[in-house]
């Protein structure tokens, strides 16, 4: 598989090259770069699954259900402020082939318990939110700055390129991990799933 065990700069260059081949995702990255947002990333499944598709010869958009667009605004944690930002971002990124999943990571703790059944502490930054994403391979956020891909990947990129899925136990439960991995394995049977 390409990209495995390369140095980090080479992996980042390869990541940019592959993501640029995914026209709908790259369209979102380009349009997002001129929105004037500072603390945001596009990441998780749409990035990871683009790489998995590249590694397995699938269409680069195969299996991608949405594009995760995360930003951080702790100044206003109201639902109304987030909804206004969602409308603004959605309008700016339109048309978009995939559903956009836009969330203010500063307010995730306000609804997390109702959704997942247990509470979490507030995130202190956009990066601390990504640090908690459910797997090592999907804990990746990207954005364009001055036409160059900026990458935040707290666990590196080797699992991503190696199609290895291992749990990031910072926040998720075993049940959530198991459900995610079963869903992904059905679509990408070349994945190596590390047990909980």
N, C-alpha and C. Protein backbone atom coordinates (compact mmCIF):
# COMPACT_ATOMS: atom_id res chain seq x y z
N UNK A 1 0.83 -1.19 0.00
CA UNK A 1 0.00 0.00 0.00
C UNK A 1 0.87 1.25 0.00
N UNK A 2 0.48 2.22 -0.79
CA UNK A 2 1.27 3.44 -0.86
C UNK A 2 1.14 4.22 0.44
N UNK A 3 2.22 4.87 0.82
CA UNK A 3 2.20 5.77 1.97
C UNK A 3 2.58 5.15 3.29
N UNK A 4 2.55 3.84 3.39
CA UNK A 4 2.85 3.19 4.66
C UNK A 4 4.35 3.30 4.96
N UNK A 5 4.66 3.70 6.18
CA UNK A 5 6.04 3.81 6.68
C UNK A 5 6.89 4.83 5.94
N UNK A 6 6.25 5.78 5.28
CA UNK A 6 7.00 6.91 4.74
C UNK A 6 7.17 7.93 5.86
N UNK A 7 8.12 8.85 5.68
CA UNK A 7 8.24 9.92 6.67
C UNK A 7 7.01 10.81 6.60
N UNK A 8 6.79 11.55 7.66
CA UNK A 8 5.55 12.31 7.80
C UNK A 8 5.36 13.33 6.68
N UNK A 9 6.42 14.00 6.26
CA UNK A 9 6.28 14.99 5.18
C UNK A 9 5.86 14.32 3.88
N UNK A 10 6.44 13.16 3.59
CA UNK A 10 6.06 12.43 2.38
C UNK A 10 4.61 11.96 2.48
N UNK A 11 4.17 11.52 3.66
CA UNK A 11 2.79 11.11 3.83
C UNK A 11 1.84 12.28 3.65
N UNK A 12 2.21 13.44 4.18
CA UNK A 12 1.35 14.62 4.03
C UNK A 12 1.24 15.04 2.56
N UNK A 13 2.33 14.96 1.82
CA UNK A 13 2.30 15.30 0.40
C UNK A 13 1.42 14.31 -0.36
N UNK A 14 1.52 13.03 -0.02
CA UNK A 14 0.70 12.02 -0.67
C UNK A 14 -0.78 12.21 -0.31
N UNK A 15 -1.05 12.54 0.94
CA UNK A 15 -2.42 12.81 1.37
C UNK A 15 -3.02 13.94 0.53
N UNK A 16 -2.27 15.00 0.37
CA UNK A 16 -2.76 16.13 -0.43
C UNK A 16 -3.02 15.71 -1.87
N UNK A 17 -2.10 14.95 -2.44
CA UNK A 17 -2.24 14.49 -3.83
C UNK A 17 -3.51 13.66 -4.00
N UNK A 18 -3.75 12.73 -3.08
CA UNK A 18 -4.92 11.85 -3.19
C UNK A 18 -6.21 12.63 -2.95
N UNK A 19 -6.23 13.48 -1.92
CA UNK A 19 -7.45 14.26 -1.66
C UNK A 19 -7.80 15.17 -2.83
N UNK A 20 -6.79 15.69 -3.52
CA UNK A 20 -7.04 16.56 -4.68
C UNK A 20 -7.71 15.80 -5.83
N UNK A 21 -7.55 14.48 -5.84
CA UNK A 21 -8.20 13.66 -6.86
C UNK A 21 -9.68 13.46 -6.58
N UNK A 22 -10.10 13.69 -5.35
CA UNK A 22 -11.52 13.56 -4.98
C UNK A 22 -12.18 14.92 -5.20
N UNK A 23 -12.73 15.11 -6.39
CA UNK A 23 -13.22 16.44 -6.80
C UNK A 23 -14.26 17.02 -5.85
N UNK A 24 -15.27 16.26 -5.40
CA UNK A 24 -16.25 16.88 -4.48
C UNK A 24 -15.64 17.31 -3.15
N UNK A 25 -14.73 16.50 -2.63
CA UNK A 25 -14.09 16.86 -1.36
C UNK A 25 -13.16 18.05 -1.55
N UNK A 26 -12.40 18.05 -2.62
CA UNK A 26 -11.47 19.16 -2.87
C UNK A 26 -12.23 20.47 -3.09
N UNK A 27 -13.39 20.37 -3.74
CA UNK A 27 -14.25 21.53 -3.93
C UNK A 27 -14.61 22.15 -2.58
N UNK A 28 -14.97 21.31 -1.61
CA UNK A 28 -15.32 21.78 -0.28
C UNK A 28 -14.10 22.40 0.39
N UNK A 29 -12.95 21.76 0.27
CA UNK A 29 -11.73 22.30 0.88
C UNK A 29 -11.39 23.68 0.31
N UNK A 30 -11.51 23.83 -1.00
CA UNK A 30 -11.20 25.12 -1.63
C UNK A 30 -12.19 26.20 -1.21
N UNK A 31 -13.47 25.89 -1.25
CA UNK A 31 -14.47 26.89 -0.88
C UNK A 31 -14.38 27.26 0.59
N UNK A 32 -14.10 26.27 1.45
CA UNK A 32 -13.99 26.53 2.89
C UNK A 32 -12.82 27.46 3.20
N UNK A 33 -11.79 27.40 2.39
CA UNK A 33 -10.57 28.18 2.68
C UNK A 33 -10.78 29.68 2.56
N UNK A 34 -11.88 30.11 1.95
CA UNK A 34 -12.13 31.54 1.79
C UNK A 34 -13.32 32.02 2.63
N UNK A 35 -13.74 31.20 3.60
CA UNK A 35 -14.87 31.58 4.45
C UNK A 35 -14.49 32.53 5.57
N UNK A 36 -13.19 32.66 5.84
CA UNK A 36 -12.76 33.53 6.92
C UNK A 36 -12.74 32.88 8.28
N UNK A 37 -12.96 31.57 8.32
CA UNK A 37 -12.89 30.83 9.59
C UNK A 37 -11.43 30.53 9.93
N UNK A 38 -11.11 30.58 11.23
CA UNK A 38 -9.75 30.23 11.67
C UNK A 38 -9.67 28.82 12.23
N UNK A 39 -10.54 28.52 13.16
CA UNK A 39 -10.50 27.24 13.86
C UNK A 39 -11.48 26.25 13.24
N UNK A 40 -11.07 25.60 12.17
CA UNK A 40 -11.94 24.61 11.55
C UNK A 40 -11.09 23.54 10.86
N UNK A 41 -11.69 22.39 10.67
CA UNK A 41 -11.09 21.32 9.88
C UNK A 41 -12.20 20.55 9.18
N UNK A 42 -11.84 19.92 8.10
CA UNK A 42 -12.68 18.95 7.41
C UNK A 42 -11.98 17.62 7.62
N UNK A 43 -12.73 16.62 8.07
CA UNK A 43 -11.99 15.41 8.37
C UNK A 43 -12.82 14.20 8.67
N UNK A 44 -12.21 13.30 9.42
CA UNK A 44 -12.79 12.03 9.83
C UNK A 44 -13.04 11.15 8.60
N UNK A 45 -14.28 10.63 8.48
CA UNK A 45 -14.57 9.63 7.46
C UNK A 45 -14.29 10.05 6.04
N UNK A 46 -14.63 11.27 5.65
CA UNK A 46 -14.46 11.67 4.25
C UNK A 46 -12.99 11.65 3.83
N UNK A 47 -12.10 11.97 4.74
CA UNK A 47 -10.66 11.92 4.45
C UNK A 47 -10.18 10.48 4.46
N UNK A 48 -10.49 9.78 5.55
CA UNK A 48 -10.04 8.40 5.70
C UNK A 48 -10.55 7.52 4.57
N UNK A 49 -11.83 7.63 4.28
CA UNK A 49 -12.42 6.76 3.27
C UNK A 49 -11.94 7.08 1.86
N UNK A 50 -11.58 8.33 1.61
CA UNK A 50 -10.95 8.66 0.33
C UNK A 50 -9.65 7.88 0.18
N UNK A 51 -8.85 7.84 1.25
CA UNK A 51 -7.59 7.10 1.19
C UNK A 51 -7.84 5.60 1.06
N UNK A 52 -8.79 5.06 1.82
CA UNK A 52 -9.11 3.63 1.69
C UNK A 52 -9.55 3.30 0.28
N UNK A 53 -10.35 4.17 -0.32
CA UNK A 53 -10.80 3.94 -1.69
C UNK A 53 -9.64 3.98 -2.67
N UNK A 54 -8.72 4.90 -2.47
CA UNK A 54 -7.54 4.97 -3.33
C UNK A 54 -6.73 3.69 -3.21
N UNK A 55 -6.53 3.23 -1.98
CA UNK A 55 -5.73 2.02 -1.74
C UNK A 55 -6.37 0.77 -2.34
N UNK A 56 -7.69 0.75 -2.44
CA UNK A 56 -8.39 -0.45 -2.90
C UNK A 56 -8.91 -0.35 -4.32
N UNK A 57 -8.65 0.78 -5.00
CA UNK A 57 -9.08 0.92 -6.39
C UNK A 57 -10.55 1.25 -6.57
N UNK A 58 -11.22 1.65 -5.51
CA UNK A 58 -12.62 2.06 -5.61
C UNK A 58 -12.72 3.49 -6.12
N UNK A 59 -13.91 3.86 -6.58
CA UNK A 59 -14.20 5.26 -6.83
C UNK A 59 -13.92 6.02 -5.52
N UNK A 60 -13.29 7.16 -5.61
CA UNK A 60 -12.85 7.86 -4.40
C UNK A 60 -14.00 8.31 -3.50
N UNK A 61 -15.21 8.33 -4.00
CA UNK A 61 -16.36 8.72 -3.19
C UNK A 61 -17.18 7.54 -2.69
N UNK A 62 -16.73 6.34 -3.00
CA UNK A 62 -17.45 5.14 -2.56
C UNK A 62 -17.55 5.12 -1.03
N UNK A 63 -18.75 4.86 -0.52
CA UNK A 63 -18.95 4.68 0.91
C UNK A 63 -18.95 5.94 1.76
N UNK A 64 -18.69 7.09 1.17
CA UNK A 64 -18.64 8.33 1.95
C UNK A 64 -20.07 8.84 2.13
N UNK A 65 -20.53 8.87 3.37
CA UNK A 65 -21.91 9.27 3.63
C UNK A 65 -22.05 10.78 3.85
N UNK A 66 -20.98 11.42 4.33
CA UNK A 66 -21.05 12.86 4.57
C UNK A 66 -19.64 13.43 4.68
N UNK A 67 -19.59 14.73 4.73
CA UNK A 67 -18.33 15.44 4.95
C UNK A 67 -18.43 16.13 6.30
N UNK A 68 -17.54 15.73 7.20
CA UNK A 68 -17.52 16.33 8.54
C UNK A 68 -16.77 17.65 8.48
N UNK A 69 -17.46 18.71 8.82
CA UNK A 69 -16.89 20.05 8.88
C UNK A 69 -17.00 20.50 10.33
N UNK A 70 -15.87 20.57 11.02
CA UNK A 70 -15.89 20.94 12.43
C UNK A 70 -15.21 22.30 12.61
N UNK A 71 -15.80 23.10 13.47
CA UNK A 71 -15.20 24.40 13.78
C UNK A 71 -15.30 24.61 15.29
N UNK A 72 -14.63 25.65 15.77
CA UNK A 72 -14.60 25.89 17.21
C UNK A 72 -14.91 27.35 17.49
N UNK A 73 -16.02 27.56 18.18
CA UNK A 73 -16.41 28.91 18.58
C UNK A 73 -16.97 28.84 19.99
N UNK A 74 -16.14 29.16 20.99
CA UNK A 74 -16.59 29.08 22.37
C UNK A 74 -17.26 30.38 22.84
N UNK A 75 -17.26 31.41 21.99
CA UNK A 75 -17.83 32.69 22.37
C UNK A 75 -19.36 32.64 22.46
N UNK A 76 -19.97 31.80 21.64
CA UNK A 76 -21.43 31.69 21.65
C UNK A 76 -21.80 30.22 21.49
N UNK A 77 -22.26 29.60 22.56
CA UNK A 77 -22.57 28.17 22.56
C UNK A 77 -24.04 27.88 22.29
N UNK A 78 -24.78 28.86 21.87
CA UNK A 78 -26.21 28.65 21.65
C UNK A 78 -26.45 27.81 20.40
N UNK A 79 -27.56 27.09 20.43
CA UNK A 79 -27.99 26.33 19.25
C UNK A 79 -28.21 27.28 18.07
N UNK A 80 -28.77 28.45 18.37
CA UNK A 80 -29.09 29.41 17.30
C UNK A 80 -27.82 29.89 16.58
N UNK A 81 -26.76 30.14 17.35
CA UNK A 81 -25.50 30.58 16.74
C UNK A 81 -24.91 29.48 15.86
N UNK A 82 -24.97 28.24 16.35
CA UNK A 82 -24.46 27.12 15.55
C UNK A 82 -25.31 26.95 14.29
N UNK A 83 -26.61 27.03 14.44
CA UNK A 83 -27.49 26.87 13.28
C UNK A 83 -27.23 27.95 12.23
N UNK A 84 -27.00 29.18 12.68
CA UNK A 84 -26.70 30.26 11.73
C UNK A 84 -25.39 29.97 10.99
N UNK A 85 -24.41 29.45 11.71
CA UNK A 85 -23.12 29.11 11.07
C UNK A 85 -23.30 27.94 10.10
N UNK A 86 -24.11 26.97 10.48
CA UNK A 86 -24.38 25.84 9.59
C UNK A 86 -24.99 26.34 8.29
N UNK A 87 -25.98 27.24 8.39
CA UNK A 87 -26.63 27.77 7.19
C UNK A 87 -25.64 28.54 6.32
N UNK A 88 -24.79 29.33 6.96
CA UNK A 88 -23.79 30.13 6.23
C UNK A 88 -22.80 29.22 5.50
N UNK A 89 -22.28 28.22 6.20
CA UNK A 89 -21.29 27.31 5.61
C UNK A 89 -21.93 26.48 4.50
N UNK A 90 -23.12 25.96 4.76
CA UNK A 90 -23.81 25.15 3.75
C UNK A 90 -24.04 25.94 2.48
N UNK A 91 -24.48 27.17 2.64
CA UNK A 91 -24.72 28.02 1.47
C UNK A 91 -23.43 28.29 0.71
N UNK A 92 -22.35 28.58 1.44
CA UNK A 92 -21.07 28.90 0.80
C UNK A 92 -20.46 27.70 0.08
N UNK A 93 -20.72 26.49 0.58
CA UNK A 93 -20.12 25.29 -0.01
C UNK A 93 -21.01 24.62 -1.05
N UNK A 94 -22.17 25.20 -1.29
CA UNK A 94 -23.11 24.65 -2.25
C UNK A 94 -22.64 24.93 -3.68
N UNK A 95 -22.85 24.03 -4.61
CA UNK A 95 -23.44 22.71 -4.44
C UNK A 95 -22.40 21.73 -3.89
N UNK A 96 -22.87 20.76 -3.15
CA UNK A 96 -21.97 19.77 -2.56
C UNK A 96 -22.57 18.38 -2.81
N UNK A 97 -21.76 17.50 -3.34
CA UNK A 97 -22.24 16.15 -3.67
C UNK A 97 -22.65 15.37 -2.42
N UNK A 98 -21.99 15.63 -1.31
CA UNK A 98 -22.25 14.90 -0.07
C UNK A 98 -22.97 15.79 0.94
N UNK A 99 -23.69 15.14 1.84
CA UNK A 99 -24.28 15.85 2.97
C UNK A 99 -23.16 16.45 3.81
N UNK A 100 -23.36 17.65 4.30
CA UNK A 100 -22.39 18.29 5.18
C UNK A 100 -22.82 18.07 6.62
N UNK A 101 -21.91 17.60 7.46
CA UNK A 101 -22.17 17.44 8.89
C UNK A 101 -21.32 18.49 9.60
N UNK A 102 -21.93 19.63 9.91
CA UNK A 102 -21.23 20.79 10.45
C UNK A 102 -21.52 20.90 11.94
N UNK A 103 -20.45 20.94 12.73
CA UNK A 103 -20.65 21.02 14.18
C UNK A 103 -19.63 21.96 14.82
N UNK A 104 -20.14 22.75 15.76
CA UNK A 104 -19.27 23.56 16.61
C UNK A 104 -18.77 22.66 17.74
N UNK A 105 -17.50 22.33 17.71
CA UNK A 105 -16.95 21.41 18.70
C UNK A 105 -16.94 21.99 20.11
N UNK A 106 -17.07 23.30 20.23
CA UNK A 106 -17.11 23.93 21.56
C UNK A 106 -18.40 23.61 22.30
N UNK A 107 -19.43 23.16 21.57
CA UNK A 107 -20.71 22.89 22.23
C UNK A 107 -21.13 21.42 22.19
N UNK A 108 -20.24 20.53 21.76
CA UNK A 108 -20.57 19.10 21.68
C UNK A 108 -20.98 18.54 23.04
N UNK A 109 -20.30 18.99 24.09
CA UNK A 109 -20.61 18.47 25.43
C UNK A 109 -22.05 18.76 25.86
N UNK A 110 -22.70 19.74 25.23
CA UNK A 110 -24.06 20.11 25.61
C UNK A 110 -25.10 19.08 25.15
N UNK A 111 -24.79 18.34 24.08
CA UNK A 111 -25.75 17.35 23.56
C UNK A 111 -25.24 15.92 23.56
N UNK A 112 -23.98 15.72 23.86
CA UNK A 112 -23.36 14.41 23.73
C UNK A 112 -24.06 13.33 24.57
N UNK A 113 -24.38 13.66 25.81
CA UNK A 113 -25.00 12.68 26.71
C UNK A 113 -26.36 12.21 26.17
N UNK A 114 -27.16 13.15 25.67
CA UNK A 114 -28.46 12.78 25.12
C UNK A 114 -28.32 11.87 23.90
N UNK A 115 -27.26 12.07 23.14
CA UNK A 115 -27.06 11.30 21.91
C UNK A 115 -26.39 9.95 22.16
N UNK A 116 -25.37 9.93 23.03
CA UNK A 116 -24.57 8.72 23.22
C UNK A 116 -24.77 8.04 24.57
N UNK A 117 -25.46 8.70 25.50
CA UNK A 117 -25.76 8.06 26.77
C UNK A 117 -24.79 8.32 27.89
N UNK A 118 -23.75 9.08 27.63
CA UNK A 118 -22.80 9.45 28.68
C UNK A 118 -22.21 10.81 28.34
N UNK A 119 -21.85 11.56 29.38
CA UNK A 119 -21.37 12.92 29.19
C UNK A 119 -19.87 12.98 28.92
N UNK A 120 -19.44 14.11 28.40
CA UNK A 120 -18.02 14.38 28.18
C UNK A 120 -17.70 15.77 28.69
N UNK A 121 -16.43 16.03 28.92
CA UNK A 121 -15.97 17.36 29.30
C UNK A 121 -15.95 18.26 28.06
N UNK A 122 -16.12 19.56 28.22
CA UNK A 122 -16.01 20.46 27.07
C UNK A 122 -14.62 20.39 26.44
N UNK A 123 -14.58 20.48 25.14
CA UNK A 123 -13.30 20.53 24.43
C UNK A 123 -12.70 21.92 24.60
N UNK A 124 -11.39 21.98 24.80
CA UNK A 124 -10.71 23.25 24.96
C UNK A 124 -10.26 23.87 23.66
N UNK A 125 -10.31 23.08 22.57
CA UNK A 125 -9.87 23.57 21.26
C UNK A 125 -10.39 22.61 20.19
N UNK A 126 -10.28 23.02 18.96
CA UNK A 126 -10.67 22.15 17.85
C UNK A 126 -9.77 20.92 17.82
N UNK A 127 -8.50 21.12 18.16
CA UNK A 127 -7.56 20.00 18.15
C UNK A 127 -7.88 18.98 19.25
N UNK A 128 -8.28 19.46 20.43
CA UNK A 128 -8.63 18.52 21.49
C UNK A 128 -9.87 17.70 21.11
N UNK A 129 -10.74 18.25 20.31
CA UNK A 129 -11.89 17.49 19.81
C UNK A 129 -11.40 16.37 18.89
N UNK A 130 -10.53 16.69 17.95
CA UNK A 130 -10.02 15.68 17.03
C UNK A 130 -9.24 14.60 17.78
N UNK A 131 -8.56 14.99 18.86
CA UNK A 131 -7.83 14.02 19.68
C UNK A 131 -8.74 12.92 20.21
N UNK A 132 -10.03 13.18 20.31
CA UNK A 132 -10.96 12.23 20.90
C UNK A 132 -11.73 11.42 19.85
N UNK A 133 -11.51 11.67 18.59
CA UNK A 133 -12.27 10.96 17.56
C UNK A 133 -12.04 9.46 17.67
N UNK A 134 -13.01 8.65 17.26
CA UNK A 134 -13.08 7.26 17.71
C UNK A 134 -11.98 6.29 17.28
N UNK A 135 -11.29 6.57 16.20
CA UNK A 135 -10.21 5.67 15.79
C UNK A 135 -8.97 6.47 15.43
N UNK A 136 -7.83 5.81 15.50
CA UNK A 136 -6.57 6.45 15.16
C UNK A 136 -6.57 6.90 13.70
N UNK A 137 -7.08 6.04 12.81
CA UNK A 137 -7.07 6.34 11.38
C UNK A 137 -8.00 7.49 11.00
N UNK A 138 -9.08 7.68 11.77
CA UNK A 138 -10.03 8.74 11.42
C UNK A 138 -9.79 10.04 12.18
N UNK A 139 -8.85 10.05 13.09
CA UNK A 139 -8.53 11.27 13.83
C UNK A 139 -7.60 12.14 12.99
N UNK A 140 -8.16 12.66 11.91
CA UNK A 140 -7.42 13.48 10.95
C UNK A 140 -8.31 14.63 10.51
N UNK A 141 -7.77 15.83 10.59
CA UNK A 141 -8.47 17.01 10.09
C UNK A 141 -7.57 17.73 9.10
N UNK A 142 -8.18 18.25 8.05
CA UNK A 142 -7.41 18.96 7.02
C UNK A 142 -8.12 20.26 6.65
N UNK A 143 -7.35 21.20 6.18
CA UNK A 143 -7.90 22.42 5.59
C UNK A 143 -6.84 23.03 4.69
N UNK A 144 -7.27 23.85 3.77
CA UNK A 144 -6.34 24.55 2.88
C UNK A 144 -6.01 25.91 3.47
N UNK A 145 -4.72 26.20 3.51
CA UNK A 145 -4.24 27.52 3.90
C UNK A 145 -3.22 27.96 2.86
N UNK A 146 -3.49 29.06 2.19
CA UNK A 146 -2.61 29.55 1.13
C UNK A 146 -2.33 28.46 0.10
N UNK A 147 -3.39 27.76 -0.29
CA UNK A 147 -3.33 26.69 -1.29
C UNK A 147 -2.46 25.50 -0.90
N UNK A 148 -2.17 25.37 0.39
CA UNK A 148 -1.40 24.23 0.88
C UNK A 148 -2.24 23.52 1.93
N UNK A 149 -2.20 22.19 1.89
CA UNK A 149 -2.99 21.42 2.84
C UNK A 149 -2.35 21.46 4.22
N UNK A 150 -3.14 21.91 5.19
CA UNK A 150 -2.71 21.85 6.60
C UNK A 150 -3.36 20.61 7.20
N UNK A 151 -2.57 19.82 7.90
CA UNK A 151 -3.04 18.54 8.43
C UNK A 151 -2.87 18.51 9.94
N UNK A 152 -3.93 18.12 10.64
CA UNK A 152 -3.82 17.82 12.06
C UNK A 152 -4.14 16.35 12.23
N UNK A 153 -3.15 15.57 12.63
CA UNK A 153 -3.29 14.13 12.80
C UNK A 153 -2.53 13.73 14.06
N UNK A 154 -3.19 13.78 15.23
CA UNK A 154 -2.47 13.57 16.49
C UNK A 154 -1.81 12.20 16.62
N UNK A 155 -2.27 11.22 15.83
CA UNK A 155 -1.69 9.88 15.92
C UNK A 155 -0.89 9.52 14.66
N UNK A 156 -0.59 10.52 13.84
CA UNK A 156 0.15 10.26 12.61
C UNK A 156 -0.77 9.73 11.52
N UNK A 157 -0.16 9.30 10.43
CA UNK A 157 -0.91 8.89 9.24
C UNK A 157 -0.67 7.44 8.83
N UNK A 158 0.13 6.72 9.58
CA UNK A 158 0.48 5.36 9.17
C UNK A 158 -0.73 4.43 9.18
N UNK A 159 -1.57 4.49 10.21
CA UNK A 159 -2.77 3.65 10.22
C UNK A 159 -3.69 4.02 9.06
N UNK A 160 -3.79 5.29 8.76
CA UNK A 160 -4.63 5.73 7.65
C UNK A 160 -4.19 5.08 6.35
N UNK A 161 -2.91 5.23 6.01
CA UNK A 161 -2.41 4.65 4.76
C UNK A 161 -2.35 3.13 4.81
N UNK A 162 -2.16 2.56 5.99
CA UNK A 162 -2.08 1.11 6.13
C UNK A 162 -3.43 0.43 6.23
N UNK A 163 -4.53 1.20 6.23
CA UNK A 163 -5.88 0.66 6.34
C UNK A 163 -6.05 -0.15 7.63
N UNK A 164 -5.44 0.37 8.70
CA UNK A 164 -5.54 -0.24 10.01
C UNK A 164 -6.52 0.58 10.84
N UNK A 165 -7.49 -0.09 11.44
CA UNK A 165 -8.46 0.59 12.29
C UNK A 165 -8.22 0.11 13.72
N UNK A 166 -7.78 1.04 14.56
CA UNK A 166 -7.58 0.72 15.97
C UNK A 166 -8.32 1.75 16.80
N UNK A 167 -8.85 1.33 17.94
CA UNK A 167 -9.66 2.25 18.73
C UNK A 167 -8.83 3.36 19.37
N UNK A 168 -9.42 4.52 19.41
CA UNK A 168 -8.92 5.61 20.22
C UNK A 168 -9.86 5.66 21.42
N UNK A 169 -9.40 5.14 22.55
CA UNK A 169 -10.28 4.94 23.70
C UNK A 169 -10.48 6.18 24.55
N UNK A 170 -10.09 7.34 24.03
CA UNK A 170 -10.23 8.58 24.80
C UNK A 170 -11.68 8.86 25.17
N UNK A 171 -12.61 8.43 24.33
CA UNK A 171 -14.00 8.84 24.55
C UNK A 171 -15.03 7.79 24.20
N UNK A 172 -14.82 7.01 23.15
CA UNK A 172 -15.87 6.10 22.70
C UNK A 172 -15.96 4.85 23.57
N UNK A 173 -17.04 4.14 23.38
CA UNK A 173 -17.24 2.87 24.07
C UNK A 173 -16.90 1.72 23.12
N UNK A 174 -16.74 0.55 23.70
CA UNK A 174 -16.46 -0.64 22.89
C UNK A 174 -17.60 -0.90 21.92
N UNK A 175 -18.83 -0.70 22.36
CA UNK A 175 -19.99 -0.94 21.50
C UNK A 175 -20.00 -0.01 20.28
N UNK A 176 -19.72 1.27 20.51
CA UNK A 176 -19.66 2.22 19.39
C UNK A 176 -18.56 1.81 18.42
N UNK A 177 -17.40 1.45 18.97
CA UNK A 177 -16.27 1.03 18.13
C UNK A 177 -16.65 -0.20 17.29
N UNK A 178 -17.25 -1.19 17.93
CA UNK A 178 -17.61 -2.42 17.24
C UNK A 178 -18.60 -2.14 16.11
N UNK A 179 -19.60 -1.30 16.36
CA UNK A 179 -20.58 -0.98 15.32
C UNK A 179 -19.93 -0.27 14.14
N UNK A 180 -19.04 0.68 14.44
CA UNK A 180 -18.34 1.40 13.37
C UNK A 180 -17.50 0.45 12.53
N UNK A 181 -16.73 -0.39 13.21
CA UNK A 181 -15.81 -1.27 12.47
C UNK A 181 -16.57 -2.31 11.65
N UNK A 182 -17.68 -2.80 12.14
CA UNK A 182 -18.47 -3.77 11.36
C UNK A 182 -19.02 -3.11 10.09
N UNK A 183 -19.48 -1.88 10.23
CA UNK A 183 -20.02 -1.14 9.08
C UNK A 183 -18.91 -0.89 8.04
N UNK A 184 -17.76 -0.46 8.53
CA UNK A 184 -16.65 -0.18 7.61
C UNK A 184 -16.11 -1.45 6.95
N UNK A 185 -15.98 -2.51 7.73
CA UNK A 185 -15.43 -3.75 7.18
C UNK A 185 -16.31 -4.31 6.07
N UNK A 186 -17.62 -4.12 6.18
CA UNK A 186 -18.53 -4.57 5.13
C UNK A 186 -18.27 -3.84 3.81
N UNK A 187 -17.81 -2.61 3.89
CA UNK A 187 -17.53 -1.82 2.68
C UNK A 187 -16.07 -1.95 2.22
N UNK A 188 -15.17 -2.08 3.19
CA UNK A 188 -13.73 -2.16 2.88
C UNK A 188 -13.14 -3.40 3.55
N UNK A 189 -13.36 -4.60 2.98
CA UNK A 189 -12.90 -5.83 3.62
C UNK A 189 -11.37 -5.95 3.70
N UNK A 190 -10.65 -5.07 3.05
CA UNK A 190 -9.18 -5.08 3.15
C UNK A 190 -8.69 -4.44 4.45
N UNK A 191 -9.60 -3.86 5.23
CA UNK A 191 -9.20 -3.23 6.48
C UNK A 191 -8.68 -4.27 7.48
N UNK A 192 -7.69 -3.86 8.26
CA UNK A 192 -7.26 -4.64 9.41
C UNK A 192 -7.89 -4.00 10.63
N UNK A 193 -8.77 -4.72 11.29
CA UNK A 193 -9.48 -4.21 12.46
C UNK A 193 -8.77 -4.70 13.71
N UNK A 194 -8.26 -3.78 14.51
CA UNK A 194 -7.62 -4.12 15.79
C UNK A 194 -8.72 -4.25 16.83
N UNK A 195 -8.80 -5.40 17.52
CA UNK A 195 -9.88 -5.56 18.52
C UNK A 195 -9.75 -4.54 19.64
N UNK A 196 -10.88 -4.28 20.29
CA UNK A 196 -10.94 -3.36 21.41
C UNK A 196 -9.98 -3.79 22.50
